[in-house]
Amino acid sequence: MLALSQLMSLTANATDPVSATAEAIIPIFSIGITFTMTAVIVASALYASYRKQRLKYDAIRFAIEKGVAVPEDLLRDHRPTTSQPTRDLRRGLVLVGLGAGLALFLRILDGTSANGVWSVGFVPLLLGAGFLVTWFMTRSEGIASSARE
């Protein structure tokens, strides 16, 4: 009579074509869905921006066709006006914080194993450090140029 472990090893080694196909298709399908959803989200955001600009330009065109003065608000760019050094500082601080938090989280989650998954946090941390260096360099140039004037 077969023992339970022998029976399980026989069923585990069985080559069922349906389960083998499912094992191959599921990872491919999930990766495909992930990239497809990402592409749909990006395309939707780009289309929404395009549609907003198109409506704005249509309103300007209709106002000109009717001979009505175009409102100044339609002609003004409504994007936030932050200087490049300020953006570099903000991005740098956010990425350094994100990288440090991710590294700490993964280190605590990983425990004492030696695989070093926690080092993934260094990617955003070093990107943030690069932004901070850029902010410091452009800030120093701005101070030097204003002192010369």
Foldseek 3Di string as FASTA:
>chain_A
DDDPVRVVVVVVPDPDPVVVVVVVVVVVVVVVVVVVVVVVVVVVVVVVVVVVVVVLVVVVVVCVVVVHDDDPVSVDDPDDDDDPLVVLLVQLVVLLVQLVVQLVVVPVVVDPDDPRPSCVSVVSNVVSVVSVVVSVVVVVVVVVVVVVD
